[in-house]
Amino acid sequence: MDTASTLMGLGLLILFIAPVGYLVYSQSHKEKKRAQKMAFLAGEKGYRLDETDNTYGLSIGLDKTAGKFFLLKSSNKAELQEINLQDILKIDLIKIDEDEKSTQVLDEIREISLLLKSKSREDKTLIFYAEEEDPVTEKKDRLDKAIKWQKSLQKYCKA
């Protein structure tokens, strides 16, 4: 009786753990392929990525010597977006609450993004966290990534 209960318990455990394990493996495989695709596409244009990062649905990279910032979204036909950091005046970290106002309180934040202000007035927004799409448990991690990228990118803005 104990052996049968143990085997049934192990079977149920595997039944519930296997799908989660598959999802984690599948997501990490997709992110790895997207990062490789971004490195390949940047290499085709003659750039070398010094820093890269993957967030859910987006790969970002930086070529420090050329002063270029790269974005690649997760769709199959996504094209590599290239941003010249010498055209960027300032990079602001935006933390918005539910009333669309700026906030510093972590629990009130509904969206975290970087606003890249350019000379040509064609500002770009890079969203790191949106409460409607991302789990609340990742808010602090995404904020840390946004701060890291803001500091890193601001160094290479020549304006």
Protein backbone atom coordinates (compact mmCIF):
# COMPACT_ATOMS: atom_id res chain seq x y z
CA MET A 1 0.00 0.00 0.00
CA ASP A 2 2.83 2.42 0.78
CA THR A 3 4.55 1.71 -2.54
CA ALA A 4 1.35 2.30 -4.51
CA SER A 5 0.70 5.59 -2.69
CA THR A 6 4.27 6.70 -3.27
CA LEU A 7 4.11 5.86 -6.97
CA MET A 8 0.77 7.62 -7.33
CA GLY A 9 2.15 10.68 -5.53
CA LEU A 10 5.22 10.74 -7.77
CA GLY A 11 3.03 10.34 -10.84
CA LEU A 12 0.85 13.30 -9.83
CA LEU A 13 3.94 15.37 -9.02
CA ILE A 14 5.40 14.68 -12.46
CA LEU A 15 2.02 15.38 -14.06
CA PHE A 16 1.95 18.89 -12.55
CA ILE A 17 5.68 19.71 -12.73
CA ALA A 18 6.29 18.60 -16.35
CA PRO A 19 4.19 21.35 -18.02
CA VAL A 20 5.85 24.06 -15.92
CA GLY A 21 9.29 22.67 -16.74
CA TYR A 22 8.42 22.57 -20.43
CA LEU A 23 7.23 26.21 -20.38
CA VAL A 24 10.42 27.36 -18.66
CA TYR A 25 12.57 25.42 -21.13
CA SER A 26 10.56 26.69 -24.11
CA GLN A 27 10.78 30.34 -22.97
CA SER A 28 14.53 30.18 -22.35
CA HIS A 29 15.05 28.51 -25.74
CA LYS A 30 13.07 31.28 -27.49
CA GLU A 31 15.07 33.98 -25.69
CA LYS A 32 18.34 32.30 -26.62
CA LYS A 33 17.31 32.07 -30.29
CA ARG A 34 16.21 35.75 -30.29
CA ALA A 35 19.53 36.81 -28.74
CA GLN A 36 21.45 34.80 -31.35
CA LYS A 37 19.34 36.33 -34.13
CA MET A 38 20.03 39.83 -32.80
CA ALA A 39 23.77 39.16 -32.61
CA PHE A 40 23.73 37.74 -36.15
CA LEU A 41 21.76 40.68 -37.60
CA ALA A 42 24.00 43.22 -35.84
CA GLY A 43 27.07 41.34 -37.08
CA GLU A 44 25.77 41.49 -40.65
CA LYS A 45 25.72 45.28 -40.35
CA GLY A 46 29.26 45.30 -38.99
CA TYR A 47 28.47 45.83 -35.31
CA ARG A 48 29.62 43.89 -32.27
CA LEU A 49 27.29 43.69 -29.27
CA ASP A 50 29.12 44.49 -26.03
CA GLU A 51 26.06 44.25 -23.77
CA THR A 52 22.86 42.31 -24.31
CA ASP A 53 19.77 41.60 -22.26
CA ASN A 54 16.53 39.70 -22.72
CA THR A 55 13.27 40.76 -21.21
CA TYR A 56 9.98 39.09 -21.97
CA GLY A 57 9.39 39.55 -25.70
CA LEU A 58 12.33 41.88 -26.30
CA SER A 59 16.07 41.59 -26.78
CA ILE A 60 18.24 44.67 -26.40
CA GLY A 61 21.90 45.19 -27.13
CA LEU A 62 24.57 47.86 -27.19
CA ASP A 63 27.65 48.39 -29.36
CA LYS A 64 29.77 50.73 -27.25
CA THR A 65 32.38 51.55 -29.89
CA ALA A 66 29.83 52.50 -32.57
CA GLY A 67 27.40 54.12 -30.11
CA LYS A 68 24.46 52.07 -31.38
CA PHE A 69 21.55 50.61 -29.44
CA PHE A 70 19.63 47.64 -30.86
CA LEU A 71 16.12 46.29 -30.24
CA LEU A 72 14.61 43.05 -31.49
CA LYS A 73 11.02 42.10 -30.67
CA SER A 74 9.88 38.51 -30.38
CA SER A 75 7.80 38.09 -33.55
CA ASN A 76 9.08 35.85 -36.34
CA LYS A 77 9.37 38.65 -38.89
CA ALA A 78 10.70 41.27 -36.48
CA GLU A 79 13.43 43.48 -37.85
CA LEU A 80 16.40 44.73 -35.91
CA GLN A 81 15.83 48.33 -34.83
CA GLU A 82 18.95 50.45 -34.64
CA ILE A 83 19.17 53.64 -32.59
CA ASN A 84 22.12 55.97 -32.93
CA LEU A 85 22.93 57.13 -29.40
CA GLN A 86 24.69 60.23 -30.72
CA ASP A 87 21.28 61.53 -31.80
CA ILE A 88 19.84 61.07 -28.30
CA LEU A 89 19.80 64.13 -26.04
CA LYS A 90 18.63 62.52 -22.82
CA ILE A 91 17.28 59.24 -21.48
CA ASP A 92 14.60 59.54 -18.79
CA LEU A 93 13.37 56.76 -16.54
CA ILE A 94 9.58 56.98 -16.40
CA LYS A 95 7.61 55.36 -13.56
CA ILE A 96 3.86 55.91 -13.99
CA ASP A 97 1.01 55.12 -11.59
CA GLU A 98 -2.60 54.31 -12.46
CA ASP A 99 -3.45 58.03 -12.83
CA GLU A 100 -0.73 58.43 -15.50
CA LYS A 101 1.35 60.49 -13.05
CA SER A 102 4.97 60.00 -12.12
CA THR A 103 5.57 58.11 -8.88
CA GLN A 104 8.50 56.86 -6.83
CA VAL A 105 6.54 54.34 -4.73
CA LEU A 106 7.23 50.82 -6.03
CA ASP A 107 3.79 49.47 -5.12
CA GLU A 108 2.04 52.24 -7.09
CA ILE A 109 4.04 51.79 -10.31
CA ARG A 110 1.95 50.53 -13.25
CA GLU A 111 4.51 51.09 -16.04
CA ILE A 112 8.29 51.39 -16.18
CA SER A 113 9.87 52.72 -19.36
CA LEU A 114 12.82 54.60 -20.77
CA LEU A 115 12.09 57.70 -22.84
CA LEU A 116 14.84 58.37 -25.38
CA LYS A 117 14.64 62.05 -26.31
CA SER A 118 16.27 62.74 -29.66
CA LYS A 119 17.48 65.86 -31.45
CA SER A 120 14.95 65.31 -34.22
CA ARG A 121 12.04 65.28 -31.72
CA GLU A 122 11.24 61.67 -32.62
CA ASP A 123 11.23 60.37 -29.06
CA LYS A 124 11.20 56.61 -28.52
CA THR A 125 9.76 54.76 -25.56
CA LEU A 126 11.17 51.42 -24.42
CA ILE A 127 8.75 49.70 -22.02
CA PHE A 128 10.34 47.45 -19.42
CA TYR A 129 7.23 46.73 -17.35
CA ALA A 130 3.50 47.11 -17.98
CA GLU A 131 1.18 45.86 -15.26
CA GLU A 132 -1.42 44.59 -17.74
CA GLU A 133 1.09 42.30 -19.45
CA ASP A 134 3.77 41.42 -16.89
CA PRO A 135 3.61 39.66 -13.52
CA VAL A 136 3.73 41.94 -10.49
CA THR A 137 6.51 39.77 -9.04
CA GLU A 138 8.89 41.04 -11.76
CA LYS A 139 8.33 44.74 -11.09
CA LYS A 140 11.48 45.24 -8.96
CA ASP A 141 13.66 43.22 -11.35
CA ARG A 142 12.40 45.17 -14.37
CA LEU A 143 12.97 48.47 -12.54
CA ASP A 144 16.55 47.44 -11.81
CA LYS A 145 17.09 46.51 -15.48
CA ALA A 146 15.64 49.84 -16.63
CA ILE A 147 17.94 51.77 -14.28
CA LYS A 148 20.94 49.74 -15.44
CA TRP A 149 20.17 50.40 -19.11
CA GLN A 150 19.46 54.08 -18.51
CA LYS A 151 22.88 54.55 -16.92
CA SER A 152 24.63 52.44 -19.54
CA LEU A 153 23.01 54.18 -22.52
CA GLN A 154 23.38 57.70 -21.10
CA LYS A 155 27.19 57.26 -21.11
CA TYR A 156 27.17 56.91 -24.90
CA CYS A 157 24.85 59.80 -25.73
CA LYS A 158 27.01 62.51 -27.30
CA ALA A 159 24.52 65.36 -27.22
